Amino acid sequence: MAKGDDAQDAWVVASLQSWAKWAKSGGVRNGYGESCLTLEEIRALPVRAYVPVFQEACERTHDAIRKLPGELQQLASAWYIREWPKSMIAAEMRVSESHVWRLHATLTKIIGFLLKNPGVSTPPLRILLKS
């Protein structure tokens, strides 16, 4: 979501955050991921908001991401799974940081459409990008 986008896209961002957590755990039910750390290691981690992971919802989000062009798949992975700084994503993709933010706005728009329309095999990019 770009810096000033409406909160209506917040559910898409929440879906992407949940998908990232699911992907980090190996994309399986009851994946352990960071939960296998010792109590001392867990206490040393930065405090983050709890992100719920629902297997079926994450699988739908994963299917939607697989329908995206490669550049947007790369962005979703770098932004949500790797949690790279936007400057690092821009350098990796060889674009400006402002372009990364525009790509993210496009990503959330298309993912939102695909999550609302799971039967669509290919997102209608021309229509989505015009609106």
C-alpha atoms as a PDB file:
ATOM      1  CA  MET A   1       0.000   0.000   0.000  1.00  0.00           C
ATOM      2  CA  ALA A   2       1.446   3.357  -0.952  1.00  0.00           C
ATOM      3  CA  LYS A   3       2.105   5.855   1.797  1.00  0.00           C
ATOM      4  CA  GLY A   4      -1.255   7.609   1.477  1.00  0.00           C
ATOM      5  CA  ASP A   5      -3.557   4.823   0.280  1.00  0.00           C
ATOM      6  CA  ASP A   6      -6.980   4.270   1.814  1.00  0.00           C
ATOM      7  CA  ALA A   7      -7.510   1.891   4.689  1.00  0.00           C
ATOM      8  CA  GLN A   8      -9.765  -0.171   2.414  1.00  0.00           C
ATOM      9  CA  ASP A   9      -6.638  -1.961   1.198  1.00  0.00           C
ATOM     10  CA  ALA A  10      -5.646  -2.821   4.781  1.00  0.00           C
ATOM     11  CA  TRP A  11      -7.275  -6.265   4.502  1.00  0.00           C
ATOM     12  CA  VAL A  12      -5.127  -7.008   1.437  1.00  0.00           C
ATOM     13  CA  VAL A  13      -1.967  -5.991   3.308  1.00  0.00           C
ATOM     14  CA  ALA A  14      -3.093  -8.145   6.268  1.00  0.00           C
ATOM     15  CA  SER A  15      -3.579 -11.064   3.859  1.00  0.00           C
ATOM     16  CA  LEU A  16      -0.085 -10.533   2.442  1.00  0.00           C
ATOM     17  CA  GLN A  17       1.429 -10.335   5.938  1.00  0.00           C
ATOM     18  CA  SER A  18      -0.331 -13.547   6.925  1.00  0.00           C
ATOM     19  CA  TRP A  19       0.842 -15.191   3.676  1.00  0.00           C
ATOM     20  CA  ALA A  20       4.434 -14.134   4.420  1.00  0.00           C
ATOM     21  CA  LYS A  21       4.318 -15.626   7.907  1.00  0.00           C
ATOM     22  CA  TRP A  22       2.826 -18.814   6.423  1.00  0.00           C
ATOM     23  CA  ALA A  23       5.537 -18.912   3.725  1.00  0.00           C
ATOM     24  CA  LYS A  24       8.308 -18.422   6.315  1.00  0.00           C
ATOM     25  CA  SER A  25       6.997 -21.423   8.247  1.00  0.00           C
ATOM     26  CA  GLY A  26       7.287 -23.566   5.129  1.00  0.00           C
ATOM     27  CA  GLY A  27       3.697 -23.135   3.972  1.00  0.00           C
ATOM     28  CA  VAL A  28       2.434 -26.021   6.056  1.00  0.00           C
ATOM     29  CA  ARG A  29      -0.034 -26.394   8.888  1.00  0.00           C
ATOM     30  CA  ASN A  30       1.533 -26.012  12.298  1.00  0.00           C
ATOM     31  CA  GLY A  31       4.870 -24.911  10.834  1.00  0.00           C
ATOM     32  CA  TYR A  32       7.161 -24.039  13.687  1.00  0.00           C
ATOM     33  CA  GLY A  33       9.209 -21.243  12.145  1.00  0.00           C
ATOM     34  CA  GLU A  34      10.427 -18.835  14.839  1.00  0.00           C
ATOM     35  CA  SER A  35       8.411 -20.601  17.551  1.00  0.00           C
ATOM     36  CA  CYS A  36      11.189 -23.184  17.958  1.00  0.00           C
ATOM     37  CA  LEU A  37      13.481 -20.536  19.460  1.00  0.00           C
ATOM     38  CA  THR A  38      14.442 -20.625  23.107  1.00  0.00           C
ATOM     39  CA  LEU A  39      12.587 -18.356  25.516  1.00  0.00           C
ATOM     40  CA  GLU A  40      15.628 -16.092  25.804  1.00  0.00           C
ATOM     41  CA  GLU A  41      15.849 -15.767  22.011  1.00  0.00           C
ATOM     42  CA  ILE A  42      12.148 -14.988  21.775  1.00  0.00           C
ATOM     43  CA  ARG A  43      12.473 -12.270  24.434  1.00  0.00           C
ATOM     44  CA  ALA A  44      15.338 -10.729  22.443  1.00  0.00           C
ATOM     45  CA  LEU A  45      13.230 -10.444  19.267  1.00  0.00           C
ATOM     46  CA  PRO A  46      11.671  -7.073  18.430  1.00  0.00           C
ATOM     47  CA  VAL A  47       8.026  -6.772  19.483  1.00  0.00           C
ATOM     48  CA  ARG A  48       5.681  -7.121  16.513  1.00  0.00           C
ATOM     49  CA  ALA A  49       1.947  -7.172  16.139  1.00  0.00           C
ATOM     50  CA  TYR A  50       0.421 -10.641  16.079  1.00  0.00           C
ATOM     51  CA  VAL A  51      -0.367 -11.721  12.539  1.00  0.00           C
ATOM     52  CA  PRO A  52      -2.875 -14.571  12.374  1.00  0.00           C
ATOM     53  CA  VAL A  53      -2.212 -17.349   9.881  1.00  0.00           C
ATOM     54  CA  PHE A  54      -5.137 -19.257   8.429  1.00  0.00           C
ATOM     55  CA  GLN A  55      -4.031 -22.086   6.151  1.00  0.00           C
ATOM     56  CA  GLU A  56      -6.833 -21.790   3.586  1.00  0.00           C
ATOM     57  CA  ALA A  57      -6.590 -17.989   3.360  1.00  0.00           C
ATOM     58  CA  CYS A  58      -2.808 -18.183   2.938  1.00  0.00           C
ATOM     59  CA  GLU A  59      -3.159 -20.789   0.205  1.00  0.00           C
ATOM     60  CA  ARG A  60      -5.635 -18.502  -1.627  1.00  0.00           C
ATOM     61  CA  THR A  61      -3.219 -15.585  -1.292  1.00  0.00           C
ATOM     62  CA  HIS A  62      -0.368 -17.802  -2.517  1.00  0.00           C
ATOM     63  CA  ASP A  63      -2.419 -18.847  -5.552  1.00  0.00           C
ATOM     64  CA  ALA A  64      -3.184 -15.185  -6.279  1.00  0.00           C
ATOM     65  CA  ILE A  65       0.506 -14.256  -6.046  1.00  0.00           C
ATOM     66  CA  ARG A  66       1.432 -17.056  -8.462  1.00  0.00           C
ATOM     67  CA  LYS A  67      -0.880 -15.405 -11.045  1.00  0.00           C
ATOM     68  CA  LEU A  68       1.080 -12.147 -10.922  1.00  0.00           C
ATOM     69  CA  PRO A  69       3.764 -11.009 -13.355  1.00  0.00           C
ATOM     70  CA  GLY A  70       7.285 -11.884 -12.166  1.00  0.00           C
ATOM     71  CA  GLU A  71       8.134  -8.322 -11.103  1.00  0.00           C
ATOM     72  CA  LEU A  72       5.174  -8.220  -8.704  1.00  0.00           C
ATOM     73  CA  GLN A  73       5.961 -11.690  -7.361  1.00  0.00           C
ATOM     74  CA  GLN A  74       9.510 -10.500  -6.670  1.00  0.00           C
ATOM     75  CA  LEU A  75       8.148  -7.412  -4.920  1.00  0.00           C
ATOM     76  CA  ALA A  76       5.736  -9.445  -2.753  1.00  0.00           C
ATOM     77  CA  SER A  77       8.546 -11.739  -1.675  1.00  0.00           C
ATOM     78  CA  ALA A  78      11.037  -8.951  -0.914  1.00  0.00           C
ATOM     79  CA  TRP A  79       8.466  -6.713   0.829  1.00  0.00           C
ATOM     80  CA  TYR A  80       6.622  -9.292   2.908  1.00  0.00           C
ATOM     81  CA  ILE A  81       8.727 -12.444   3.270  1.00  0.00           C
ATOM     82  CA  ARG A  82      12.227 -10.988   3.365  1.00  0.00           C
ATOM     83  CA  GLU A  83      11.032  -7.682   4.893  1.00  0.00           C
ATOM     84  CA  TRP A  84      13.694  -5.751   3.030  1.00  0.00           C
ATOM     85  CA  PRO A  85      13.900  -1.966   3.332  1.00  0.00           C
ATOM     86  CA  LYS A  86      12.277  -0.231   0.366  1.00  0.00           C
ATOM     87  CA  SER A  87      15.666   1.156  -0.709  1.00  0.00           C
ATOM     88  CA  MET A  88      17.069  -2.375  -0.918  1.00  0.00           C
ATOM     89  CA  ILE A  89      14.067  -3.566  -2.945  1.00  0.00           C
ATOM     90  CA  ALA A  90      14.568  -0.616  -5.314  1.00  0.00           C
ATOM     91  CA  ALA A  91      18.250  -1.446  -5.755  1.00  0.00           C
ATOM     92  CA  GLU A  92      17.513  -5.138  -6.349  1.00  0.00           C
ATOM     93  CA  MET A  93      14.791  -4.357  -8.896  1.00  0.00           C
ATOM     94  CA  ARG A  94      16.845  -1.507 -10.428  1.00  0.00           C
ATOM     95  CA  VAL A  95      14.052   1.034 -10.023  1.00  0.00           C
ATOM     96  CA  SER A  96      13.518   4.112  -7.863  1.00  0.00           C
ATOM     97  CA  GLU A  97      12.101   3.834  -4.373  1.00  0.00           C
ATOM     98  CA  SER A  98       9.018   5.798  -5.462  1.00  0.00           C
ATOM     99  CA  HIS A  99       8.493   3.212  -8.216  1.00  0.00           C
ATOM    100  CA  VAL A 100       8.618   0.470  -5.568  1.00  0.00           C
ATOM    101  CA  TRP A 101       5.781   2.226  -3.713  1.00  0.00           C
ATOM    102  CA  ARG A 102       3.768   2.475  -6.965  1.00  0.00           C
ATOM    103  CA  LEU A 103       4.385  -1.211  -7.653  1.00  0.00           C
ATOM    104  CA  HIS A 104       3.180  -2.013  -4.138  1.00  0.00           C
ATOM    105  CA  ALA A 105      -0.041  -0.078  -4.765  1.00  0.00           C
ATOM    106  CA  THR A 106      -0.481  -2.118  -7.957  1.00  0.00           C
ATOM    107  CA  LEU A 107       0.297  -5.330  -6.078  1.00  0.00           C
ATOM    108  CA  THR A 108      -2.354  -4.683  -3.434  1.00  0.00           C
ATOM    109  CA  LYS A 109      -4.932  -3.711  -6.050  1.00  0.00           C
ATOM    110  CA  ILE A 110      -4.396  -6.870  -8.109  1.00  0.00           C
ATOM    111  CA  ILE A 111      -4.182  -9.196  -5.089  1.00  0.00           C
ATOM    112  CA  GLY A 112      -7.392  -7.667  -3.736  1.00  0.00           C
ATOM    113  CA  PHE A 113      -9.113  -8.322  -7.059  1.00  0.00           C
ATOM    114  CA  LEU A 114      -7.833 -11.909  -7.230  1.00  0.00           C
ATOM    115  CA  LEU A 115      -8.834 -12.662  -3.634  1.00  0.00           C
ATOM    116  CA  LYS A 116     -12.352 -11.366  -4.340  1.00  0.00           C
ATOM    117  CA  ASN A 117     -12.461 -13.290  -7.652  1.00  0.00           C
ATOM    118  CA  PRO A 118     -10.659 -16.606  -7.013  1.00  0.00           C
ATOM    119  CA  GLY A 119     -11.921 -18.181 -10.251  1.00  0.00           C
ATOM    120  CA  VAL A 120     -10.018 -15.699 -12.430  1.00  0.00           C
ATOM    121  CA  SER A 121      -6.964 -17.410 -13.905  1.00  0.00           C
ATOM    122  CA  THR A 122      -5.248 -14.255 -15.179  1.00  0.00           C
ATOM    123  CA  PRO A 123      -5.862 -10.799 -13.712  1.00  0.00           C
ATOM    124  CA  PRO A 124      -7.151  -8.240 -16.245  1.00  0.00           C
ATOM    125  CA  LEU A 125      -4.131  -5.974 -15.798  1.00  0.00           C
ATOM    126  CA  ARG A 126      -5.203  -3.291 -18.294  1.00  0.00           C
ATOM    127  CA  ILE A 127      -8.539  -2.798 -16.568  1.00  0.00           C
ATOM    128  CA  LEU A 128      -7.100  -2.916 -13.038  1.00  0.00           C
ATOM    129  CA  LEU A 129      -4.301  -0.496 -13.792  1.00  0.00           C
ATOM    130  CA  LYS A 130      -6.636   2.071 -15.397  1.00  0.00           C
ATOM    131  CA  SER A 131      -8.938   2.396 -12.391  1.00  0.00           C
END
